[in-house]
C-alpha atoms as a PDB file:
ATOM      1  CA  MET A   1     -19.437  -4.170   7.108  1.00  0.00           C
ATOM      2  CA  ASP A   2     -20.452  -1.880  10.033  1.00  0.00           C
ATOM      3  CA  ARG A   3     -21.073  -4.573  13.297  1.00  0.00           C
ATOM      4  CA  GLN A   4     -22.679  -4.077  16.000  1.00  0.00           C
ATOM      5  CA  ARG A   5     -20.227  -6.512  18.430  1.00  0.00           C
ATOM      6  CA  ASP A   6     -18.906  -3.504  20.705  1.00  0.00           C
ATOM      7  CA  SER A   7     -22.380  -2.733  22.022  1.00  0.00           C
ATOM      8  CA  ALA A   8     -23.152  -6.796  22.537  1.00  0.00           C
ATOM      9  CA  ILE A   9     -20.161  -7.647  24.637  1.00  0.00           C
ATOM     10  CA  SER A  10     -18.778  -4.761  25.418  1.00  0.00           C
ATOM     11  CA  GLY A  11     -20.747  -1.610  26.074  1.00  0.00           C
ATOM     12  CA  TYR A  12     -17.961   0.781  25.466  1.00  0.00           C
ATOM     13  CA  THR A  13     -18.029   4.077  23.153  1.00  0.00           C
ATOM     14  CA  ASN A  14     -16.928   4.250  19.637  1.00  0.00           C
ATOM     15  CA  GLY A  15     -13.532   5.286  18.695  1.00  0.00           C
ATOM     16  CA  THR A  16     -11.187   5.759  15.568  1.00  0.00           C
ATOM     17  CA  ALA A  17      -8.547   3.700  15.121  1.00  0.00           C
ATOM     18  CA  SER A  18      -5.856   2.882  12.315  1.00  0.00           C
ATOM     19  CA  THR A  19      -5.384  -0.364  10.830  1.00  0.00           C
ATOM     20  CA  ASP A  20      -1.702  -0.257  11.866  1.00  0.00           C
ATOM     21  CA  PRO A  21      -1.240  -2.167  15.473  1.00  0.00           C
ATOM     22  CA  GLU A  22       1.669  -0.128  15.895  1.00  0.00           C
ATOM     23  CA  ALA A  23       0.436   3.612  15.206  1.00  0.00           C
ATOM     24  CA  ASP A  24       0.740   6.140  18.107  1.00  0.00           C
ATOM     25  CA  ARG A  25       2.523   3.758  20.529  1.00  0.00           C
ATOM     26  CA  PRO A  26       4.258   5.558  23.219  1.00  0.00           C
ATOM     27  CA  SER A  27       7.584   4.049  23.375  1.00  0.00           C
ATOM     28  CA  ASN A  28       8.779   5.057  26.504  1.00  0.00           C
ATOM     29  CA  GLU A  29       5.658   3.172  28.511  1.00  0.00           C
ATOM     30  CA  SER A  30       6.593  -0.540  28.840  1.00  0.00           C
ATOM     31  CA  THR A  31       3.564  -2.265  30.034  1.00  0.00           C
ATOM     32  CA  GLY A  32       4.686  -6.020  30.504  1.00  0.00           C
ATOM     33  CA  ASN A  33       1.824  -8.014  28.743  1.00  0.00           C
ATOM     34  CA  ALA A  34      -0.778  -5.753  29.873  1.00  0.00           C
ATOM     35  CA  ARG A  35      -2.859  -3.758  27.406  1.00  0.00           C
ATOM     36  CA  GLY A  36      -5.813  -1.395  28.359  1.00  0.00           C
ATOM     37  CA  GLY A  37      -5.364  -2.931  31.827  1.00  0.00           C
ATOM     38  CA  LYS A  38      -5.336  -6.550  30.605  1.00  0.00           C
ATOM     39  CA  GLU A  39      -3.372  -9.178  30.245  1.00  0.00           C
ATOM     40  CA  ALA A  40      -2.668 -11.789  27.347  1.00  0.00           C
ATOM     41  CA  THR A  41      -4.871 -14.729  28.567  1.00  0.00           C
ATOM     42  CA  ASP A  42      -3.482 -18.419  29.030  1.00  0.00           C
ATOM     43  CA  LYS A  43      -6.280 -19.831  27.525  1.00  0.00           C
ATOM     44  CA  LEU A  44      -9.302 -19.749  25.305  1.00  0.00           C
ATOM     45  CA  SER A  45     -11.439 -17.072  27.545  1.00  0.00           C
ATOM     46  CA  THR A  46     -15.353 -17.461  27.273  1.00  0.00           C
ATOM     47  CA  HIS A  47     -15.911 -13.981  25.984  1.00  0.00           C
ATOM     48  CA  GLN A  48     -12.629 -14.327  23.294  1.00  0.00           C
ATOM     49  CA  PHE A  49     -14.728 -17.224  22.223  1.00  0.00           C
ATOM     50  CA  ILE A  50     -17.618 -15.605  21.860  1.00  0.00           C
ATOM     51  CA  TYR A  51     -16.090 -12.739  20.350  1.00  0.00           C
ATOM     52  CA  LEU A  52     -14.401 -14.992  17.668  1.00  0.00           C
ATOM     53  CA  PHE A  53     -16.828 -17.552  16.745  1.00  0.00           C
ATOM     54  CA  ILE A  54     -20.303 -16.367  17.288  1.00  0.00           C
ATOM     55  CA  LEU A  55     -19.291 -12.672  16.459  1.00  0.00           C
ATOM     56  CA  ASP A  56     -17.051 -12.946  14.000  1.00  0.00           C
ATOM     57  CA  GLY A  57     -18.029 -16.304  13.079  1.00  0.00           C
ATOM     58  CA  LEU A  58     -22.063 -16.727  13.156  1.00  0.00           C
ATOM     59  CA  GLY A  59     -22.397 -13.267  12.629  1.00  0.00           C
ATOM     60  CA  ALA A  60     -20.080 -12.612   9.992  1.00  0.00           C
ATOM     61  CA  LEU A  61     -21.753 -15.867   8.151  1.00  0.00           C
ATOM     62  CA  VAL A  62     -25.241 -14.248   8.459  1.00  0.00           C
ATOM     63  CA  LEU A  63     -24.218 -10.803   7.512  1.00  0.00           C
ATOM     64  CA  SER A  64     -22.064 -11.175   4.551  1.00  0.00           C
ATOM     65  CA  GLY A  65     -24.275 -14.226   3.247  1.00  0.00           C
ATOM     66  CA  GLY A  66     -27.364 -11.652   3.671  1.00  0.00           C
ATOM     67  CA  ILE A  67     -25.209  -8.735   1.980  1.00  0.00           C
ATOM     68  CA  ASN A  68     -23.935 -11.068  -0.913  1.00  0.00           C
ATOM     69  CA  PHE A  69     -27.927 -12.406  -1.475  1.00  0.00           C
ATOM     70  CA  ALA A  70     -29.187  -8.651  -1.564  1.00  0.00           C
ATOM     71  CA  ILE A  71     -26.326  -7.797  -4.421  1.00  0.00           C
ATOM     72  CA  ALA A  72     -27.265 -10.822  -6.216  1.00  0.00           C
ATOM     73  CA  TYR A  73     -31.205  -9.998  -6.229  1.00  0.00           C
ATOM     74  CA  ALA A  74     -30.360  -6.704  -7.301  1.00  0.00           C
ATOM     75  CA  MET A  75     -27.859  -7.503  -9.728  1.00  0.00           C
ATOM     76  CA  TYR A  76     -29.651 -10.593 -11.531  1.00  0.00           C
ATOM     77  CA  THR A  77     -33.524  -9.716 -11.129  1.00  0.00           C
ATOM     78  CA  THR A  78     -33.085  -6.853 -13.123  1.00  0.00           C
ATOM     79  CA  GLN A  79     -31.467  -8.395 -16.430  1.00  0.00           C
ATOM     80  CA  ASN A  80     -33.318  -9.149 -19.540  1.00  0.00           C
ATOM     81  CA  PRO A  81     -32.766 -13.429 -19.404  1.00  0.00           C
ATOM     82  CA  THR A  82     -33.245 -13.227 -23.238  1.00  0.00           C
ATOM     83  CA  GLU A  83     -30.728 -10.746 -24.425  1.00  0.00           C
ATOM     84  CA  ASN A  84     -28.142 -11.010 -21.206  1.00  0.00           C
ATOM     85  CA  PRO A  85     -28.455 -14.312 -20.273  1.00  0.00           C
ATOM     86  CA  ILE A  86     -26.858 -15.638 -16.788  1.00  0.00           C
ATOM     87  CA  ARG A  87     -24.381 -18.129 -17.532  1.00  0.00           C
ATOM     88  CA  LEU A  88     -21.465 -19.756 -15.691  1.00  0.00           C
ATOM     89  CA  PHE A  89     -18.548 -18.990 -17.409  1.00  0.00           C
ATOM     90  CA  GLN A  90     -19.514 -16.205 -20.597  1.00  0.00           C
ATOM     91  CA  LEU A  91     -19.767 -12.488 -19.821  1.00  0.00           C
ATOM     92  CA  PRO A  92     -21.680  -9.974 -18.989  1.00  0.00           C
ATOM     93  CA  ASN A  93     -23.508 -12.134 -16.545  1.00  0.00           C
ATOM     94  CA  THR A  94     -21.273 -15.056 -15.325  1.00  0.00           C
ATOM     95  CA  LEU A  95     -21.325 -16.665 -12.139  1.00  0.00           C
ATOM     96  CA  ALA A  96     -18.303 -18.036 -12.144  1.00  0.00           C
ATOM     97  CA  GLY A  97     -16.652 -14.497 -12.566  1.00  0.00           C
ATOM     98  CA  ASP A  98     -19.081 -13.195 -10.007  1.00  0.00           C
ATOM     99  CA  GLY A  99     -17.925 -15.734  -7.346  1.00  0.00           C
ATOM    100  CA  ALA A 100     -13.852 -15.307  -7.954  1.00  0.00           C
ATOM    101  CA  LEU A 101     -14.999 -11.424  -7.930  1.00  0.00           C
ATOM    102  CA  THR A 102     -16.852 -12.009  -4.725  1.00  0.00           C
ATOM    103  CA  ILE A 103     -13.941 -13.842  -3.147  1.00  0.00           C
ATOM    104  CA  ILE A 104     -11.059 -10.862  -4.329  1.00  0.00           C
ATOM    105  CA  LEU A 105     -13.110  -8.569  -2.801  1.00  0.00           C
ATOM    106  CA  GLN A 106     -14.190  -9.865   0.755  1.00  0.00           C
ATOM    107  CA  CYS A 107     -11.437 -10.931   1.486  1.00  0.00           C
ATOM    108  CA  VAL A 108      -9.905  -7.737   0.805  1.00  0.00           C
ATOM    109  CA  ILE A 109     -12.553  -6.063   2.828  1.00  0.00           C
ATOM    110  CA  THR A 110     -12.753  -8.024   5.544  1.00  0.00           C
ATOM    111  CA  TRP A 111      -9.075  -7.809   6.506  1.00  0.00           C
ATOM    112  CA  LEU A 112      -9.505  -4.136   6.674  1.00  0.00           C
ATOM    113  CA  LEU A 113     -12.351  -3.938   8.755  1.00  0.00           C
ATOM    114  CA  GLU A 114     -11.127  -6.462  11.108  1.00  0.00           C
ATOM    115  CA  ALA A 115      -7.234  -4.561  11.716  1.00  0.00           C
ATOM    116  CA  VAL A 116      -9.643  -1.816  12.340  1.00  0.00           C
ATOM    117  CA  LEU A 117     -12.127  -2.982  14.344  1.00  0.00           C
ATOM    118  CA  VAL A 118      -9.863  -5.645  16.963  1.00  0.00           C
ATOM    119  CA  ASN A 119      -7.051  -3.269  17.141  1.00  0.00           C
ATOM    120  CA  ARG A 120      -9.404  -0.628  18.480  1.00  0.00           C
ATOM    121  CA  ASP A 121     -11.139  -3.076  20.695  1.00  0.00           C
ATOM    122  CA  LEU A 122      -7.543  -3.959  22.115  1.00  0.00           C
ATOM    123  CA  ARG A 123      -7.214  -0.222  22.665  1.00  0.00           C
ATOM    124  CA  LYS A 124     -10.581   0.592  24.282  1.00  0.00           C
ATOM    125  CA  GLY A 125      -9.506  -2.666  26.534  1.00  0.00           C
ATOM    126  CA  GLY A 126     -12.829  -4.786  24.934  1.00  0.00           C
ATOM    127  CA  ILE A 127     -11.053  -7.764  24.340  1.00  0.00           C
ATOM    128  CA  ARG A 128      -7.729  -9.334  25.984  1.00  0.00           C
ATOM    129  CA  PRO A 129      -4.870 -10.680  23.583  1.00  0.00           C
ATOM    130  CA  ILE A 130      -4.684 -14.096  23.129  1.00  0.00           C
ATOM    131  CA  GLY A 131      -1.063 -15.541  24.922  1.00  0.00           C
ATOM    132  CA  PHE A 132      -1.619 -19.274  25.134  1.00  0.00           C
ATOM    133  CA  ILE A 133       0.337 -19.785  21.437  1.00  0.00           C
ATOM    134  CA  ALA A 134       3.631 -20.239  21.314  1.00  0.00           C
ATOM    135  CA  GLU A 135       5.202 -17.918  18.865  1.00  0.00           C
ATOM    136  CA  PRO A 136       6.438 -19.581  15.676  1.00  0.00           C
ATOM    137  CA  THR A 137      10.052 -19.930  14.553  1.00  0.00           C
ATOM    138  CA  SER A 138       9.354 -20.682  11.217  1.00  0.00           C
ATOM    139  CA  ALA A 139      10.793 -17.694   8.981  1.00  0.00           C
ATOM    140  CA  LEU A 140       7.541 -17.995   6.880  1.00  0.00           C
ATOM    141  CA  LEU A 141       5.185 -18.047   9.709  1.00  0.00           C
ATOM    142  CA  ARG A 142       7.040 -14.985  10.985  1.00  0.00           C
ATOM    143  CA  TRP A 143       7.159 -13.284   7.805  1.00  0.00           C
ATOM    144  CA  PHE A 144       3.322 -13.833   7.758  1.00  0.00           C
ATOM    145  CA  LEU A 145       2.468 -12.567  10.988  1.00  0.00           C
ATOM    146  CA  MET A 146       4.932 -10.020  10.444  1.00  0.00           C
ATOM    147  CA  LEU A 147       6.664 -10.599  13.529  1.00  0.00           C
ATOM    148  CA  ASP A 148      10.439  -9.676  12.576  1.00  0.00           C
ATOM    149  CA  ASN A 149       9.003  -6.437  11.253  1.00  0.00           C
ATOM    150  CA  GLU A 150       7.050  -5.475  14.601  1.00  0.00           C
ATOM    151  CA  LYS A 151      10.667  -6.035  16.635  1.00  0.00           C
ATOM    152  CA  GLN A 152      12.379  -3.831  14.787  1.00  0.00           C
ATOM    153  CA  SER A 153      10.013  -1.177  14.559  1.00  0.00           C
ATOM    154  CA  SER A 154      10.398   0.735  18.069  1.00  0.00           C
ATOM    155  CA  ASP A 155      12.863   3.699  17.345  1.00  0.00           C
ATOM    156  CA  GLY A 156      12.603   4.977  21.171  1.00  0.00           C
ATOM    157  CA  GLU A 157      10.571   8.474  20.368  1.00  0.00           C
ATOM    158  CA  LYS A 158       6.550   9.473  19.966  1.00  0.00           C
ATOM    159  CA  PRO A 159       6.225   9.474  16.432  1.00  0.00           C
ATOM    160  CA  SER A 160       4.648  12.827  14.923  1.00  0.00           C
ATOM    161  CA  LYS A 161       1.036  12.614  13.017  1.00  0.00           C
ATOM    162  CA  ARG A 162       2.725  12.908   9.994  1.00  0.00           C
ATOM    163  CA  GLY A 163       5.075  10.131  10.882  1.00  0.00           C
ATOM    164  CA  ASN A 164       1.582   8.042  11.768  1.00  0.00           C
ATOM    165  CA  VAL A 165       0.475   8.974   7.947  1.00  0.00           C
ATOM    166  CA  LYS A 166       3.675   7.434   6.906  1.00  0.00           C
ATOM    167  CA  ARG A 167       3.538   4.603   8.825  1.00  0.00           C
ATOM    168  CA  GLY A 168      -0.174   3.687   8.404  1.00  0.00           C
ATOM    169  CA  ALA A 169       0.548   3.209   4.741  1.00  0.00           C
ATOM    170  CA  ALA A 170       3.726   1.503   4.835  1.00  0.00           C
ATOM    171  CA  SER A 171       1.737  -0.484   7.233  1.00  0.00           C
ATOM    172  CA  LEU A 172      -1.007  -0.869   4.373  1.00  0.00           C
ATOM    173  CA  LEU A 173       1.630  -2.013   1.846  1.00  0.00           C
ATOM    174  CA  GLN A 174       3.152  -4.586   4.101  1.00  0.00           C
ATOM    175  CA  GLN A 175      -0.131  -6.119   4.708  1.00  0.00           C
ATOM    176  CA  ALA A 176      -1.093  -6.513   1.026  1.00  0.00           C
ATOM    177  CA  PRO A 177       0.849 -10.063   0.558  1.00  0.00           C
ATOM    178  CA  ARG A 178      -0.812 -11.283   3.524  1.00  0.00           C
ATOM    179  CA  VAL A 179      -4.099 -10.880   2.014  1.00  0.00           C
ATOM    180  CA  LEU A 180      -2.990 -12.317  -0.838  1.00  0.00           C
ATOM    181  CA  VAL A 181      -2.470 -15.505   1.087  1.00  0.00           C
ATOM    182  CA  ILE A 182      -6.016 -15.367   2.095  1.00  0.00           C
ATOM    183  CA  ILE A 183      -7.316 -14.307  -0.809  1.00  0.00           C
ATOM    184  CA  LEU A 184      -5.304 -17.616  -2.677  1.00  0.00           C
ATOM    185  CA  VAL A 185      -6.130 -19.810  -0.079  1.00  0.00           C
ATOM    186  CA  SER A 186      -9.755 -18.753   0.246  1.00  0.00           C
ATOM    187  CA  PHE A 187      -9.838 -19.113  -3.765  1.00  0.00           C
ATOM    188  CA  ALA A 188      -8.780 -22.415  -4.068  1.00  0.00           C
ATOM    189  CA  LEU A 189     -11.135 -23.653  -1.420  1.00  0.00           C
ATOM    190  CA  CYS A 190     -13.983 -22.404  -2.347  1.00  0.00           C
ATOM    191  CA  TRP A 191     -14.366 -21.400  -6.184  1.00  0.00           C
ATOM    192  CA  PRO A 192     -13.623 -24.862  -7.180  1.00  0.00           C
ATOM    193  CA  ALA A 193     -16.046 -26.343  -4.966  1.00  0.00           C
ATOM    194  CA  SER A 194     -18.757 -23.565  -5.806  1.00  0.00           C
ATOM    195  CA  VAL A 195     -18.331 -23.707  -9.448  1.00  0.00           C
ATOM    196  CA  GLY A 196     -19.108 -27.690  -9.341  1.00  0.00           C
ATOM    197  CA  ILE A 197     -22.031 -27.083  -7.520  1.00  0.00           C
ATOM    198  CA  LEU A 198     -23.500 -24.899 -10.137  1.00  0.00           C
ATOM    199  CA  LEU A 199     -22.462 -27.827 -12.935  1.00  0.00           C
ATOM    200  CA  ALA A 200     -24.550 -29.854 -11.330  1.00  0.00           C
ATOM    201  CA  VAL A 201     -27.696 -27.456 -11.216  1.00  0.00           C
ATOM    202  CA  GLY A 202     -27.127 -25.346 -14.222  1.00  0.00           C
ATOM    203  CA  GLU A 203     -28.941 -26.287 -17.785  1.00  0.00           C
ATOM    204  CA  LYS A 204     -26.012 -26.877 -20.283  1.00  0.00           C
ATOM    205  CA  ARG A 205     -26.629 -25.126 -23.516  1.00  0.00           C
ATOM    206  CA  GLY A 206     -23.887 -25.634 -26.080  1.00  0.00           C
ATOM    207  CA  GLY A 207     -20.662 -25.183 -24.343  1.00  0.00           C
ATOM    208  CA  ASP A 208     -22.074 -23.330 -21.396  1.00  0.00           C
ATOM    209  CA  TRP A 209     -24.275 -23.588 -18.367  1.00  0.00           C
ATOM    210  CA  PHE A 210     -27.515 -21.404 -18.475  1.00  0.00           C
ATOM    211  CA  PHE A 211     -29.466 -20.010 -15.181  1.00  0.00           C
ATOM    212  CA  GLU A 212     -32.617 -18.591 -14.547  1.00  0.00           C
ATOM    213  CA  GLU A 213     -32.643 -14.810 -13.018  1.00  0.00           C
ATOM    214  CA  THR A 214     -34.138 -16.255  -9.623  1.00  0.00           C
ATOM    215  CA  TRP A 215     -33.040 -17.738  -7.391  1.00  0.00           C
ATOM    216  CA  THR A 216     -29.779 -20.183  -7.921  1.00  0.00           C
ATOM    217  CA  PRO A 217     -27.891 -16.935  -8.473  1.00  0.00           C
ATOM    218  CA  GLN A 218     -28.890 -15.557  -5.451  1.00  0.00           C
ATOM    219  CA  ILE A 219     -28.261 -18.319  -3.230  1.00  0.00           C
ATOM    220  CA  PHE A 220     -24.813 -19.091  -5.124  1.00  0.00           C
ATOM    221  CA  LYS A 221     -24.004 -15.619  -4.005  1.00  0.00           C
ATOM    222  CA  GLY A 222     -25.308 -15.737  -0.664  1.00  0.00           C
ATOM    223  CA  VAL A 223     -23.943 -19.230   0.619  1.00  0.00           C
ATOM    224  CA  LEU A 224     -20.598 -18.160  -0.619  1.00  0.00           C
ATOM    225  CA  GLY A 225     -20.211 -15.386   0.775  1.00  0.00           C
ATOM    226  CA  GLY A 226     -21.981 -16.547   4.193  1.00  0.00           C
ATOM    227  CA  VAL A 227     -19.124 -19.431   4.216  1.00  0.00           C
ATOM    228  CA  LEU A 228     -15.917 -17.438   3.176  1.00  0.00           C
ATOM    229  CA  ALA A 229     -17.048 -14.957   5.987  1.00  0.00           C
ATOM    230  CA  LEU A 230     -17.166 -18.412   8.681  1.00  0.00           C
ATOM    231  CA  LEU A 231     -14.152 -19.419   7.491  1.00  0.00           C
ATOM    232  CA  THR A 232     -11.614 -16.131   7.132  1.00  0.00           C
ATOM    233  CA  THR A 233     -13.631 -13.699   9.376  1.00  0.00           C
ATOM    234  CA  PRO A 234     -12.742 -15.164  13.363  1.00  0.00           C
ATOM    235  CA  LEU A 235      -8.990 -16.331  11.109  1.00  0.00           C
ATOM    236  CA  MET A 236      -8.489 -12.776  10.556  1.00  0.00           C
ATOM    237  CA  ALA A 237      -9.349 -11.386  14.152  1.00  0.00           C
ATOM    238  CA  GLY A 238      -7.478 -13.990  15.615  1.00  0.00           C
ATOM    239  CA  TYR A 239      -4.214 -13.026  13.795  1.00  0.00           C
ATOM    240  CA  TRP A 240      -4.497  -9.508  15.266  1.00  0.00           C
ATOM    241  CA  LEU A 241      -5.305 -10.615  19.120  1.00  0.00           C
ATOM    242  CA  VAL A 242      -2.602 -13.655  18.997  1.00  0.00           C
ATOM    243  CA  ARG A 243      -0.172 -11.169  17.440  1.00  0.00           C
ATOM    244  CA  GLU A 244      -0.903  -8.355  19.805  1.00  0.00           C
ATOM    245  CA  GLY A 245      -0.064 -10.833  22.438  1.00  0.00           C
ATOM    246  CA  TRP A 246       3.048 -11.911  21.426  1.00  0.00           C
ATOM    247  CA  ARG A 247       4.192  -8.471  21.453  1.00  0.00           C
ATOM    248  CA  LEU A 248       2.824  -7.778  24.843  1.00  0.00           C
ATOM    249  CA  LYS A 249       4.874 -10.870  26.031  1.00  0.00           C
ATOM    250  CA  ARG A 250       8.045  -9.351  24.594  1.00  0.00           C
ATOM    251  CA  GLY A 251       7.610  -6.256  26.535  1.00  0.00           C
ATOM    252  CA  GLY A 252       5.982  -4.353  24.123  1.00  0.00           C
ATOM    253  CA  ALA A 253       4.746  -0.679  24.786  1.00  0.00           C
ATOM    254  CA  LEU A 254       1.092   0.325  25.297  1.00  0.00           C
ATOM    255  CA  LEU A 255      -0.756   1.875  22.732  1.00  0.00           C
ATOM    256  CA  THR A 256      -3.027   4.411  22.945  1.00  0.00           C
END
């Protein structure tokens, strides 16, 4: 999802960024708790609130909801309901299966986009890291936030381009279990509720529930995608902002 948040709140130019927050770090350059000339905040600023809850929250809800609604419209209005009826559980047109796939794909795509966009915004100085949350001591939380890996990542040498590629690939593999955790939690929160609502509005025939090609499938997919974006996008953006604040408070180096 290509968002316009850069121009909306910062006005800085586009750039490229890796999904690895550690890539391209000049290891010999210490910055205390500042990055891009900006320190980690000791409370949630107005700018951070807008960034997390307006642009990444309500903005993601509208954008994701609209995209999912359009996808469902293209998917289901082109079907022949006689040959391929739209049902809750049975293939080929299963709304329960569509909901599960939507949750999985959207969580993966959102995670990757937020890793790139937030890291880029931090590099450009468009958003300040969050510094008022205490660093966790729980082993499980530290694993999820990749904090212990962070402490072991500096080797005192500026990485080569080839090393950056390997580092980026390793970072993606490292992030995969975290995305899986988010998918499982999102599935548990959203999928049963979605199926329950569809059970209430569908027409029961035999062992399944049937739906017209409009408008239940479109509203279902649009609402699911929008609510999922509202729940996950601010959390994923906050993940990188908080993690960066902890890194800088430990004397991490400036990313360029």
